[in-house]
């Protein structure tokens, strides 16, 4: 059984939330895969993780290199797990189909995109049986509130 977290982004954009959650995953000793819906967004996330804070960076790579298995964080557009990650993030319209093979799945979607909300509802229905599923929504102050 996987733990599946739905993050409903409203007050802060993905670019502010994703690096913090990836950082916390690395602090737990987990390897991470970030799946995105397009190569353009994969490139943008790659750049973000190098520059999101002046005093640090998140060690990562784009999937497809010879050392993928050694990377703590991989960014991909495909449903593979070359670095044996324990946690997988789905962002920018990439939608989880199952929790198999992961300790945790994090599905992040924009509350301002009606299509993303439709995808999230369908994923919730598809994934709630056989997994530990929780829903997190951002309060106006930026704090996350567990809703389900």
C-alpha atoms as a PDB file:
ATOM      1  CA  UNK A   1       0.000   0.000   0.000  1.00  0.00           C
ATOM      2  CA  UNK A   2       1.323   3.409  -0.990  1.00  0.00           C
ATOM      3  CA  UNK A   3       0.714   6.709   0.732  1.00  0.00           C
ATOM      4  CA  UNK A   4      -0.765   9.059  -1.880  1.00  0.00           C
ATOM      5  CA  UNK A   5      -0.900  12.776  -1.157  1.00  0.00           C
ATOM      6  CA  UNK A   6      -3.023  15.114  -3.268  1.00  0.00           C
ATOM      7  CA  UNK A   7      -1.756  18.718  -3.061  1.00  0.00           C
ATOM      8  CA  UNK A   8      -4.320  21.252  -4.280  1.00  0.00           C
ATOM      9  CA  UNK A   9      -2.247  24.329  -5.188  1.00  0.00           C
ATOM     10  CA  UNK A  10      -4.087  27.617  -4.818  1.00  0.00           C
ATOM     11  CA  UNK A  11      -2.172  30.263  -2.875  1.00  0.00           C
ATOM     12  CA  UNK A  12       1.356  29.418  -3.968  1.00  0.00           C
ATOM     13  CA  UNK A  13       2.573  28.195  -7.349  1.00  0.00           C
ATOM     14  CA  UNK A  14       4.237  24.854  -7.967  1.00  0.00           C
ATOM     15  CA  UNK A  15       7.596  26.625  -8.219  1.00  0.00           C
ATOM     16  CA  UNK A  16       7.427  27.616  -4.537  1.00  0.00           C
ATOM     17  CA  UNK A  17       6.018  24.357  -3.179  1.00  0.00           C
ATOM     18  CA  UNK A  18       7.798  21.597  -5.138  1.00  0.00           C
ATOM     19  CA  UNK A  19      11.406  22.392  -4.121  1.00  0.00           C
ATOM     20  CA  UNK A  20      10.482  22.447  -0.436  1.00  0.00           C
ATOM     21  CA  UNK A  21       8.765  19.045  -0.629  1.00  0.00           C
ATOM     22  CA  UNK A  22      11.642  17.545  -2.628  1.00  0.00           C
ATOM     23  CA  UNK A  23      14.089  18.884  -0.058  1.00  0.00           C
ATOM     24  CA  UNK A  24      12.090  17.269   2.755  1.00  0.00           C
ATOM     25  CA  UNK A  25      12.076  13.968   0.859  1.00  0.00           C
ATOM     26  CA  UNK A  26      15.862  14.059   0.526  1.00  0.00           C
ATOM     27  CA  UNK A  27      16.189  14.827   4.246  1.00  0.00           C
ATOM     28  CA  UNK A  28      14.363  11.532   4.874  1.00  0.00           C
ATOM     29  CA  UNK A  29      16.947   9.727   2.768  1.00  0.00           C
ATOM     30  CA  UNK A  30      14.538   9.045  -0.091  1.00  0.00           C
ATOM     31  CA  UNK A  31      15.319   9.126  -3.780  1.00  0.00           C
ATOM     32  CA  UNK A  32      12.837  11.135  -5.821  1.00  0.00           C
ATOM     33  CA  UNK A  33      11.361  11.027  -9.317  1.00  0.00           C
ATOM     34  CA  UNK A  34       9.482  14.062 -10.612  1.00  0.00           C
ATOM     35  CA  UNK A  35       7.216  13.273 -13.546  1.00  0.00           C
ATOM     36  CA  UNK A  36       5.950  16.185 -15.591  1.00  0.00           C
ATOM     37  CA  UNK A  37       3.584  16.416 -18.540  1.00  0.00           C
ATOM     38  CA  UNK A  38       6.027  17.873 -21.093  1.00  0.00           C
ATOM     39  CA  UNK A  39       9.704  18.262 -21.962  1.00  0.00           C
ATOM     40  CA  UNK A  40       9.337  22.044 -21.706  1.00  0.00           C
ATOM     41  CA  UNK A  41       8.136  21.796 -18.117  1.00  0.00           C
ATOM     42  CA  UNK A  42      10.845  19.218 -17.309  1.00  0.00           C
ATOM     43  CA  UNK A  43      13.424  21.769 -18.461  1.00  0.00           C
ATOM     44  CA  UNK A  44      11.793  24.526 -16.384  1.00  0.00           C
ATOM     45  CA  UNK A  45      11.785  22.315 -13.264  1.00  0.00           C
ATOM     46  CA  UNK A  46      15.415  21.381 -13.934  1.00  0.00           C
ATOM     47  CA  UNK A  47      16.334  25.085 -13.934  1.00  0.00           C
ATOM     48  CA  UNK A  48      14.178  25.744 -10.877  1.00  0.00           C
ATOM     49  CA  UNK A  49      15.895  23.100  -8.747  1.00  0.00           C
ATOM     50  CA  UNK A  50      19.314  24.640  -9.484  1.00  0.00           C
ATOM     51  CA  UNK A  51      18.259  28.167  -8.604  1.00  0.00           C
ATOM     52  CA  UNK A  52      15.287  28.154  -6.236  1.00  0.00           C
ATOM     53  CA  UNK A  53      17.395  29.352  -3.270  1.00  0.00           C
ATOM     54  CA  UNK A  54      20.540  31.455  -3.261  1.00  0.00           C
ATOM     55  CA  UNK A  55      22.202  29.433  -0.490  1.00  0.00           C
ATOM     56  CA  UNK A  56      21.630  25.912  -1.834  1.00  0.00           C
ATOM     57  CA  UNK A  57      20.505  23.705  -4.698  1.00  0.00           C
ATOM     58  CA  UNK A  58      18.847  20.336  -4.976  1.00  0.00           C
ATOM     59  CA  UNK A  59      21.111  17.705  -6.563  1.00  0.00           C
ATOM     60  CA  UNK A  60      19.244  16.320  -9.549  1.00  0.00           C
ATOM     61  CA  UNK A  61      19.355  15.402 -13.224  1.00  0.00           C
ATOM     62  CA  UNK A  62      17.086  14.954 -16.191  1.00  0.00           C
ATOM     63  CA  UNK A  63      16.391  11.266 -16.839  1.00  0.00           C
ATOM     64  CA  UNK A  64      18.194   9.648 -19.731  1.00  0.00           C
ATOM     65  CA  UNK A  65      21.807   9.839 -18.578  1.00  0.00           C
ATOM     66  CA  UNK A  66      24.268   7.042 -17.898  1.00  0.00           C
ATOM     67  CA  UNK A  67      24.199   7.679 -14.140  1.00  0.00           C
ATOM     68  CA  UNK A  68      20.417   7.859 -13.632  1.00  0.00           C
ATOM     69  CA  UNK A  69      20.587   5.085 -11.040  1.00  0.00           C
ATOM     70  CA  UNK A  70      22.903   7.243  -8.880  1.00  0.00           C
ATOM     71  CA  UNK A  71      20.830  10.430  -8.927  1.00  0.00           C
ATOM     72  CA  UNK A  72      18.965  11.449  -5.759  1.00  0.00           C
ATOM     73  CA  UNK A  73      16.369  13.325  -7.870  1.00  0.00           C
ATOM     74  CA  UNK A  74      15.386  12.629 -11.472  1.00  0.00           C
ATOM     75  CA  UNK A  75      13.052  14.650 -13.668  1.00  0.00           C
ATOM     76  CA  UNK A  76      11.214  12.718 -16.365  1.00  0.00           C
ATOM     77  CA  UNK A  77       8.204  12.681 -18.660  1.00  0.00           C
ATOM     78  CA  UNK A  78       8.009   8.866 -18.657  1.00  0.00           C
ATOM     79  CA  UNK A  79       6.574   6.360 -16.148  1.00  0.00           C
ATOM     80  CA  UNK A  80       9.886   4.691 -15.245  1.00  0.00           C
ATOM     81  CA  UNK A  81      11.909   4.634 -12.019  1.00  0.00           C
ATOM     82  CA  UNK A  82      15.599   4.440 -12.990  1.00  0.00           C
ATOM     83  CA  UNK A  83      16.940   5.671  -9.616  1.00  0.00           C
ATOM     84  CA  UNK A  84      14.753   3.329  -7.521  1.00  0.00           C
ATOM     85  CA  UNK A  85      12.953   6.290  -5.966  1.00  0.00           C
ATOM     86  CA  UNK A  86      10.784   5.847  -2.893  1.00  0.00           C
ATOM     87  CA  UNK A  87       8.709   8.932  -3.678  1.00  0.00           C
ATOM     88  CA  UNK A  88       7.299  10.134  -6.984  1.00  0.00           C
ATOM     89  CA  UNK A  89       5.931  13.603  -7.670  1.00  0.00           C
ATOM     90  CA  UNK A  90       3.390  14.127 -10.446  1.00  0.00           C
ATOM     91  CA  UNK A  91       3.219  17.733 -11.653  1.00  0.00           C
ATOM     92  CA  UNK A  92       2.082  19.814 -14.621  1.00  0.00           C
ATOM     93  CA  UNK A  93      -0.709  17.510 -15.778  1.00  0.00           C
ATOM     94  CA  UNK A  94       1.177  14.243 -15.241  1.00  0.00           C
ATOM     95  CA  UNK A  95      -1.386  12.046 -13.452  1.00  0.00           C
ATOM     96  CA  UNK A  96      -0.648   8.972 -11.297  1.00  0.00           C
ATOM     97  CA  UNK A  97      -2.260   5.739 -12.448  1.00  0.00           C
ATOM     98  CA  UNK A  98      -1.203   3.627  -9.450  1.00  0.00           C
ATOM     99  CA  UNK A  99       0.938   3.754  -6.335  1.00  0.00           C
ATOM    100  CA  UNK A 100       2.756   0.521  -7.092  1.00  0.00           C
ATOM    101  CA  UNK A 101       6.468   0.518  -6.351  1.00  0.00           C
ATOM    102  CA  UNK A 102       6.569   3.676  -4.239  1.00  0.00           C
ATOM    103  CA  UNK A 103       6.373   4.458  -0.569  1.00  0.00           C
ATOM    104  CA  UNK A 104       4.768   7.808  -1.354  1.00  0.00           C
ATOM    105  CA  UNK A 105       3.114   9.444  -4.357  1.00  0.00           C
ATOM    106  CA  UNK A 106       2.637  13.224  -4.375  1.00  0.00           C
ATOM    107  CA  UNK A 107       0.155  14.526  -6.937  1.00  0.00           C
ATOM    108  CA  UNK A 108       0.281  18.321  -7.245  1.00  0.00           C
ATOM    109  CA  UNK A 109      -2.387  20.124  -9.253  1.00  0.00           C
ATOM    110  CA  UNK A 110      -3.503  23.700  -9.792  1.00  0.00           C
ATOM    111  CA  UNK A 111      -6.786  24.792  -8.299  1.00  0.00           C
ATOM    112  CA  UNK A 112      -6.972  27.430 -11.043  1.00  0.00           C
ATOM    113  CA  UNK A 113      -7.047  24.895 -13.903  1.00  0.00           C
ATOM    114  CA  UNK A 114     -10.469  23.231 -14.413  1.00  0.00           C
ATOM    115  CA  UNK A 115      -8.925  20.369 -16.430  1.00  0.00           C
ATOM    116  CA  UNK A 116      -6.384  19.681 -13.678  1.00  0.00           C
ATOM    117  CA  UNK A 117      -9.214  19.555 -11.128  1.00  0.00           C
ATOM    118  CA  UNK A 118     -11.076  17.044 -13.306  1.00  0.00           C
ATOM    119  CA  UNK A 119      -7.912  14.922 -13.576  1.00  0.00           C
ATOM    120  CA  UNK A 120      -7.451  15.078  -9.787  1.00  0.00           C
ATOM    121  CA  UNK A 121     -11.008  13.917  -9.113  1.00  0.00           C
ATOM    122  CA  UNK A 122     -10.577  10.978 -11.490  1.00  0.00           C
ATOM    123  CA  UNK A 123      -7.210  10.063  -9.942  1.00  0.00           C
ATOM    124  CA  UNK A 124      -8.733  10.207  -6.435  1.00  0.00           C
ATOM    125  CA  UNK A 125     -11.469   7.754  -7.452  1.00  0.00           C
ATOM    126  CA  UNK A 126      -8.946   5.491  -9.182  1.00  0.00           C
ATOM    127  CA  UNK A 127      -6.355   5.447  -6.373  1.00  0.00           C
ATOM    128  CA  UNK A 128      -8.360   5.514  -3.140  1.00  0.00           C
ATOM    129  CA  UNK A 129      -8.940   1.747  -3.041  1.00  0.00           C
ATOM    130  CA  UNK A 130      -5.882  -0.107  -1.749  1.00  0.00           C
ATOM    131  CA  UNK A 131      -3.873   3.016  -0.893  1.00  0.00           C
ATOM    132  CA  UNK A 132      -3.663   5.476   1.971  1.00  0.00           C
ATOM    133  CA  UNK A 133      -4.978   8.618   0.244  1.00  0.00           C
ATOM    134  CA  UNK A 134      -5.005  12.130   1.760  1.00  0.00           C
ATOM    135  CA  UNK A 135      -6.002  15.499   0.363  1.00  0.00           C
ATOM    136  CA  UNK A 136      -4.164  18.698   1.283  1.00  0.00           C
ATOM    137  CA  UNK A 137      -5.425  22.168   0.454  1.00  0.00           C
ATOM    138  CA  UNK A 138      -3.555  25.408   0.893  1.00  0.00           C
ATOM    139  CA  UNK A 139      -5.022  28.035   3.194  1.00  0.00           C
ATOM    140  CA  UNK A 140      -4.774  31.735   2.254  1.00  0.00           C
ATOM    141  CA  UNK A 141      -1.690  32.173   4.496  1.00  0.00           C
ATOM    142  CA  UNK A 142       0.133  29.356   2.675  1.00  0.00           C
ATOM    143  CA  UNK A 143      -0.293  26.713   5.381  1.00  0.00           C
ATOM    144  CA  UNK A 144      -1.406  23.234   4.294  1.00  0.00           C
ATOM    145  CA  UNK A 145      -4.600  21.822   5.806  1.00  0.00           C
ATOM    146  CA  UNK A 146      -5.375  18.116   5.643  1.00  0.00           C
ATOM    147  CA  UNK A 147      -8.902  17.722   4.274  1.00  0.00           C
ATOM    148  CA  UNK A 148      -9.280  14.010   3.695  1.00  0.00           C
END
